[in-house]
Amino acid sequence: MRIIGITGGIGCGKTTVCGIFSELGVPVYYADDRAKAVMMEDESLMATIRCTFGDEAYKNGELNRPYLAHQVFGSEEKLTRLNAVVHPAVARDFMKWANAIADVPYIIKEAAILFESGAYRTVQQTVLVTAPENVRIERVMQRDSISETEVRQRMDSQWPEERKAQMADHVIVNDGHQLLIPQVLELHGKFIG
C-alpha cells in the first residue's frame, strides 16, 4: 500500500481536497487533527507539554489551544520544542492507523508541515495544495475568527509555497477559479494505476 502525503500552507484548502479523496474511498489521516487528539490522549506527551509550557497549556482538562498558539507562533525556538515532542507521538499514531488498513491501493497522510517536519520522507509521493496568499488569509480569518496579523504569524512558521513546490511531486491549485474535482480525479487515477 502506498502512502501519499498532502500538504500546503494554512488556508490553502488541504481539508477540502482530502475530502474529495475521501469521497473516492481513500482513507485519509489528518495529522493536524490527530495531533490535537494525541495531545489530549497521550499522558506522557501531556506531561511533557505541561513541563515545557506550564500548567496553563491545559485548562479544565482540555488543551488550551489559544494559550499554546500564543506561546509558539512567533517563537521559532518554542515551536521547535513543541514539534519535537508532538511529531514522534503523531508518527506512532499514524503507523498504528495505517497498519489497521488493508486492501486499498493507497492512503493519504494530510499534514500542514509535511516538508518542514521531514515527514515527507515517510511517504511515496507528495501533493501540494496551493492558493494565493490573499485568499488563504481571508479563509483563515473567517474560519478561525482571528486577525490578519495572527494569520500571518502562523504563515511565517511554515515554509513558503515556492519552497514546498520545489519538493512536491504534484500540485493542486485551489484558487477558487480552477475546479478541484478534475485535479483530484487525475491524481487518483495516477495513484491507483
Foldseek 3Di string as FASTA:
>chain_A
DFEEEEAEAAQLCSVVLVVLVVVVVAAEAELVVVLLVLCLVPPVLVVQCCVLQNPVCADPSHGPVVSLLVVPQVPLVSVVVNCVSSVVSSVVVVVVVVVVDDDDLYHYYYDHACPVSVVVVVGDFYEYRGEDPVSSLVSCCVVVVDDSVSSVSRRVSHDDPVVVVVVHPYYAYDHVPDDSNVRSVVVVVVSND
